[in-house]
Amino acid sequence: MRDILFRGKTVDNSGWVEGEYMGIEIHIKTSYPCEWWGYEVIPESVGQFIGLPDKNGVKIFDGDVLENEDGDEVCHTLIFWDDTICGFSDKRDFDGDSFTIHNGDMLWVLDCEVIGNIFDSPDLIK
């Protein structure tokens, strides 16, 4: 069973939090039974965990930018949720061409590295 996990950037700019998304907050379970902490997040920054890590074991979320070597060339890939297919897609090198990851076949990301995201590093997608 895969984790249903979300990440969002806090409105006070104190960083990123991961947990359950509840409206405008990410809730994180504490070590005490039935206790949760809520962090208000920027709604546009919220992204879902795609269910796989990169080659370094870092969780990959919607909005992350991955780097991969494709032969002699370095490729950058943006991961995003595509409402038209109700699934995660990617856009490589931001040249207008994108392709869809079908049926959860995302194992290629295991060879990639998360190098940033569109919120902290928007220059990565220009």
Protein backbone atom coordinates (compact mmCIF):
# COMPACT_ATOMS: atom_id res chain seq x y z
CA MET A 1 0.00 0.00 0.00
CA ARG A 2 1.42 3.40 -0.90
CA ASP A 3 1.53 6.38 1.42
CA ILE A 4 -0.96 9.17 0.72
CA LEU A 5 1.23 12.06 1.76
CA PHE A 6 1.28 15.76 0.94
CA ARG A 7 3.87 18.50 1.24
CA GLY A 8 3.31 22.24 1.51
CA LYS A 9 5.31 25.39 2.19
CA THR A 10 4.30 27.15 5.41
CA VAL A 11 2.75 30.63 5.14
CA ASP A 12 5.26 31.98 7.66
CA ASN A 13 8.08 30.82 5.34
CA SER A 14 9.54 28.55 8.02
CA GLY A 15 9.91 25.69 5.55
CA TRP A 16 8.17 22.65 4.14
CA VAL A 17 5.97 20.24 6.08
CA GLU A 18 4.75 16.76 5.13
CA GLY A 19 1.59 15.09 6.34
CA GLU A 20 -2.14 14.93 5.67
CA TYR A 21 -3.66 17.84 3.76
CA MET A 22 -6.73 19.32 5.45
CA GLY A 23 -7.96 22.38 3.55
CA ILE A 24 -5.38 25.08 4.21
CA GLU A 25 -3.28 23.07 6.65
CA ILE A 26 -0.93 20.12 6.64
CA HIS A 27 -1.48 17.98 9.74
CA ILE A 28 1.41 16.05 11.23
CA LYS A 29 0.86 13.24 13.74
CA THR A 30 2.92 13.66 16.90
CA SER A 31 4.35 10.95 19.14
CA TYR A 32 1.36 11.32 21.46
CA PRO A 33 -1.70 9.19 20.62
CA CYS A 34 -4.46 11.09 18.80
CA GLU A 35 -2.48 14.36 18.72
CA TRP A 36 -1.84 16.26 15.51
CA TRP A 37 -0.12 19.56 14.76
CA GLY A 38 -1.55 21.73 12.00
CA TYR A 39 0.61 24.03 9.87
CA GLU A 40 -1.01 26.60 7.60
CA VAL A 41 0.47 26.27 4.12
CA ILE A 42 0.40 28.18 0.84
CA PRO A 43 -2.32 26.31 -1.11
CA GLU A 44 -0.47 26.63 -4.46
CA SER A 45 2.58 24.92 -2.95
CA VAL A 46 0.77 21.75 -1.90
CA GLY A 47 1.85 18.66 -3.80
CA GLN A 48 1.18 14.97 -3.40
CA PHE A 49 3.86 12.32 -2.94
CA ILE A 50 4.01 10.28 -6.17
CA GLY A 51 4.77 7.07 -4.26
CA LEU A 52 8.42 6.68 -5.30
CA PRO A 53 11.77 8.09 -4.18
CA ASP A 54 14.60 9.37 -6.34
CA LYS A 55 17.97 7.58 -6.59
CA ASN A 56 19.01 9.06 -3.22
CA GLY A 57 15.86 7.95 -1.40
CA VAL A 58 14.31 11.46 -1.43
CA LYS A 59 10.50 11.43 -1.76
CA ILE A 60 9.27 12.87 -5.06
CA PHE A 61 6.30 15.25 -4.92
CA ASP A 62 4.13 17.05 -7.46
CA GLY A 63 6.07 20.20 -8.40
CA ASP A 64 9.53 18.67 -8.02
CA VAL A 65 12.19 19.07 -10.68
CA LEU A 66 14.30 15.98 -11.35
CA GLU A 67 17.67 15.69 -13.05
CA ASN A 68 18.68 12.66 -15.07
CA GLU A 69 21.55 11.87 -17.39
CA ASP A 70 20.26 10.66 -20.74
CA GLY A 71 23.37 9.42 -22.51
CA ASP A 72 25.74 12.39 -22.74
CA GLU A 73 23.07 14.95 -21.99
CA VAL A 74 21.56 16.12 -18.69
CA CYS A 75 17.77 16.23 -18.69
CA HIS A 76 15.51 18.19 -16.32
CA THR A 77 11.98 16.94 -15.71
CA LEU A 78 9.06 18.63 -13.94
CA ILE A 79 6.59 16.30 -12.20
CA PHE A 80 2.99 17.52 -12.11
CA TRP A 81 -0.57 16.30 -11.63
CA ASP A 82 -2.50 16.23 -14.90
CA ASP A 83 -6.27 16.56 -14.39
CA THR A 84 -7.01 15.42 -17.93
CA ILE A 85 -5.63 11.94 -17.25
CA CYS A 86 -6.13 11.92 -13.47
CA GLY A 87 -2.49 10.99 -12.96
CA PHE A 88 1.05 12.27 -12.67
CA SER A 89 2.79 13.47 -15.81
CA ASP A 90 6.14 14.95 -16.56
CA LYS A 91 7.49 17.63 -18.81
CA ARG A 92 11.09 17.34 -19.90
CA ASP A 93 13.35 20.25 -20.73
CA PHE A 94 10.30 22.55 -20.84
CA ASP A 95 10.32 22.81 -24.63
CA GLY A 96 6.57 22.30 -24.95
CA ASP A 97 6.78 18.53 -25.38
CA SER A 98 5.49 16.44 -22.53
CA PHE A 99 4.55 12.84 -22.14
CA THR A 100 2.35 11.02 -19.70
CA ILE A 101 3.39 8.39 -17.23
CA HIS A 102 0.76 5.69 -17.82
CA ASN A 103 -0.58 3.15 -15.35
CA GLY A 104 1.81 4.08 -12.55
CA ASP A 105 4.84 3.13 -14.66
CA MET A 106 7.17 5.64 -13.07
CA LEU A 107 10.14 3.43 -12.26
CA TRP A 108 12.37 5.61 -14.47
CA VAL A 109 12.38 8.21 -11.64
CA LEU A 110 14.49 5.82 -9.55
CA ASP A 111 17.46 6.86 -11.74
CA CYS A 112 16.78 10.59 -11.24
CA GLU A 113 17.67 13.08 -8.52
CA VAL A 114 15.38 15.75 -7.04
CA ILE A 115 17.25 19.04 -7.60
CA GLY A 116 14.53 21.44 -6.51
CA ASN A 117 10.94 22.40 -7.03
CA ILE A 118 8.97 25.07 -8.88
CA PHE A 119 8.30 27.04 -5.68
CA ASP A 120 11.83 27.37 -4.25
CA SER A 121 13.71 27.25 -7.56
CA PRO A 122 11.51 28.59 -10.38
CA ASP A 123 14.65 29.26 -12.46
CA LEU A 124 15.03 25.48 -12.95
CA ILE A 125 12.10 25.46 -15.38
CA LYS A 126 13.10 28.47 -17.52
